[in-house]
Amino acid sequence: MSAEQPPRKPAPQIPSDMNAFNRKVIEDFRANHGRMTGPLAGRTVILLTTTGAKSGKERTSVLGFGKDGDRYVVIASGNGAPSHPGWYHNLLARPIATLEVGPERFKVRARTAGPEEREQLKRLVPYIEQQQTLTTREIPIVVFERG
């Protein structure tokens, strides 16, 4: 496995209105072809668009990630929330999604990493250890592969 990691910066303060914050980040990401400005300037994020498990509506989430060759690795932390984030539930119901990475947009198939690969993948998303201290549930590691 390769470890193609961008340098990590300290985590930004969590805004009080995450939905409004994420809408602005998504607009900024798309307007600047994946190069962040404002409070996330210099950070690298991806956009994940899933289809709602119940609603059938498309939803876009902003995620940090790790990269392993052509695979993208994220954690379903929800900032340490007691339950899995909505986007993770959507992927369990419909594992085909869309990723936006820089100026690229492509379809992916998502899967949850099994116990045998978790330890290896944790090094790609080192902030999982800090996030895990915020919740008693095991935070899933999700692997996206082009599909």
Protein backbone atom coordinates (compact mmCIF):
# COMPACT_ATOMS: atom_id res chain seq x y z
CA MET A 1 0.00 0.00 0.00
CA SER A 2 1.19 3.48 -0.74
CA ALA A 3 0.66 6.36 1.63
CA GLU A 4 0.03 9.37 -0.59
CA GLN A 5 -0.95 11.78 2.16
CA PRO A 6 -1.18 15.54 2.05
CA PRO A 7 0.38 17.21 5.09
CA ARG A 8 -2.09 17.48 7.99
CA LYS A 9 -3.10 20.81 9.53
CA PRO A 10 -4.80 21.27 12.90
CA ALA A 11 -8.55 20.64 12.75
CA PRO A 12 -10.65 23.78 12.29
CA GLN A 13 -13.14 24.77 14.99
CA ILE A 14 -16.49 22.99 14.48
CA PRO A 15 -19.07 25.63 13.44
CA SER A 16 -22.38 25.92 15.30
CA ASP A 17 -24.38 25.50 12.05
CA MET A 18 -22.69 22.64 10.20
CA ASN A 19 -25.28 22.58 7.40
CA ALA A 20 -24.68 26.24 6.51
CA PHE A 21 -20.92 25.77 6.84
CA ASN A 22 -20.98 22.70 4.56
CA ARG A 23 -23.11 24.49 1.94
CA LYS A 24 -20.48 27.24 1.78
CA VAL A 25 -17.63 24.71 1.59
CA ILE A 26 -19.38 22.84 -1.25
CA GLU A 27 -19.93 26.11 -3.17
CA ASP A 28 -16.29 27.11 -2.64
CA PHE A 29 -15.01 23.66 -3.65
CA ARG A 30 -17.01 23.62 -6.89
CA ALA A 31 -16.32 27.26 -7.76
CA ASN A 32 -12.55 26.73 -7.35
CA HIS A 33 -12.23 23.22 -8.84
CA GLY A 34 -11.47 21.62 -5.50
CA ARG A 35 -9.05 24.26 -4.18
CA MET A 36 -10.32 25.55 -0.89
CA THR A 37 -10.33 29.21 0.12
CA GLY A 38 -11.52 30.95 3.27
CA PRO A 39 -11.28 29.04 6.57
CA LEU A 40 -10.31 25.81 4.76
CA ALA A 41 -7.67 27.36 2.51
CA GLY A 42 -4.86 24.90 1.94
CA ARG A 43 -6.88 21.90 3.17
CA THR A 44 -7.73 18.94 0.99
CA VAL A 45 -11.28 17.59 1.14
CA ILE A 46 -13.54 15.53 -1.08
CA LEU A 47 -17.24 15.81 -1.78
CA LEU A 48 -19.34 12.67 -1.47
CA THR A 49 -22.80 12.59 -3.04
CA THR A 50 -25.04 9.76 -1.87
CA THR A 51 -28.66 8.90 -2.56
CA GLY A 52 -30.88 9.09 0.51
CA ALA A 53 -31.79 5.64 1.84
CA LYS A 54 -35.33 6.79 2.65
CA SER A 55 -35.81 9.99 0.66
CA GLY A 56 -34.12 8.95 -2.59
CA LYS A 57 -32.74 12.52 -2.77
CA GLU A 58 -29.10 13.26 -3.49
CA ARG A 59 -27.10 14.61 -0.54
CA THR A 60 -23.55 15.97 -0.65
CA SER A 61 -21.14 15.76 2.28
CA VAL A 62 -17.71 17.28 2.83
CA LEU A 63 -15.14 14.75 4.04
CA GLY A 64 -11.50 14.52 4.93
CA PHE A 65 -9.80 11.51 3.38
CA GLY A 66 -6.77 9.34 2.95
CA LYS A 67 -5.60 7.89 -0.34
CA ASP A 68 -4.22 4.46 -1.12
CA GLY A 69 -3.38 4.18 -4.81
CA ASP A 70 -6.70 4.66 -6.60
CA ARG A 71 -8.74 4.08 -3.44
CA TYR A 72 -10.11 6.82 -1.19
CA VAL A 73 -10.50 6.12 2.52
CA VAL A 74 -12.75 8.06 4.91
CA ILE A 75 -14.12 7.59 8.40
CA ALA A 76 -17.82 7.71 9.29
CA SER A 77 -17.26 9.75 12.42
CA GLY A 78 -19.79 12.58 12.29
CA ASN A 79 -17.37 14.46 14.56
CA GLY A 80 -17.66 11.69 17.16
CA ALA A 81 -21.48 11.63 17.20
CA PRO A 82 -23.15 8.77 19.08
CA SER A 83 -24.63 7.40 15.83
CA HIS A 84 -23.31 6.95 12.30
CA PRO A 85 -23.66 9.95 9.95
CA GLY A 86 -26.53 9.97 7.47
CA TRP A 87 -24.22 9.59 4.49
CA TYR A 88 -22.96 6.27 5.91
CA HIS A 89 -26.53 4.94 6.30
CA ASN A 90 -27.17 6.03 2.70
CA LEU A 91 -24.12 4.06 1.50
CA LEU A 92 -25.23 0.95 3.37
CA ALA A 93 -28.52 1.09 1.44
CA ARG A 94 -27.02 2.23 -1.88
CA PRO A 95 -23.23 1.76 -2.13
CA ILE A 96 -22.85 3.50 -5.51
CA ALA A 97 -22.03 7.18 -5.01
CA THR A 98 -20.20 10.09 -6.61
CA LEU A 99 -16.90 11.56 -5.42
CA GLU A 100 -15.55 14.96 -6.34
CA VAL A 101 -11.79 15.19 -5.95
CA GLY A 102 -10.25 18.44 -7.10
CA PRO A 103 -11.75 19.14 -10.54
CA GLU A 104 -12.68 15.45 -11.09
CA ARG A 105 -16.12 13.92 -10.54
CA PHE A 106 -16.61 10.13 -10.80
CA LYS A 107 -18.72 7.18 -9.65
CA VAL A 108 -17.47 4.96 -6.86
CA ARG A 109 -18.56 1.85 -5.01
CA ALA A 110 -18.33 2.09 -1.22
CA ARG A 111 -17.63 -0.66 1.25
CA THR A 112 -16.89 -0.78 4.95
CA ALA A 113 -13.41 -2.01 5.78
CA GLY A 114 -13.37 -5.33 7.58
CA PRO A 115 -11.54 -5.98 10.84
CA GLU A 116 -8.55 -7.46 9.02
CA GLU A 117 -7.81 -4.26 7.10
CA ARG A 118 -8.77 -1.61 9.69
CA GLU A 119 -5.31 -1.39 11.27
CA GLN A 120 -3.61 -0.87 7.91
CA LEU A 121 -6.15 1.73 6.79
CA LYS A 122 -6.04 3.69 10.06
CA ARG A 123 -2.65 5.09 9.08
CA LEU A 124 -4.33 6.78 6.09
CA VAL A 125 -6.77 8.62 8.37
CA PRO A 126 -4.75 9.15 11.57
CA TYR A 127 -7.37 11.48 13.07
CA ILE A 128 -9.58 8.39 13.61
CA GLU A 129 -7.87 7.81 16.96
CA GLN A 130 -8.87 11.26 18.25
CA GLN A 131 -12.38 10.92 16.84
CA GLN A 132 -12.80 7.48 18.40
CA THR A 133 -12.27 9.01 21.86
CA LEU A 134 -15.46 11.06 21.34
CA THR A 135 -17.84 8.09 20.95
CA THR A 136 -18.39 4.56 22.22
CA ARG A 137 -19.40 3.17 18.80
CA GLU A 138 -16.71 1.82 16.53
CA ILE A 139 -16.20 4.42 13.81
CA PRO A 140 -16.45 2.69 10.42
CA ILE A 141 -13.68 3.10 7.87
CA VAL A 142 -15.14 3.39 4.38
CA VAL A 143 -13.21 2.53 1.22
CA PHE A 144 -14.25 4.02 -2.13
CA GLU A 145 -13.17 2.39 -5.38
CA ARG A 146 -13.94 3.67 -8.84
CA GLY A 147 -16.79 1.73 -10.30
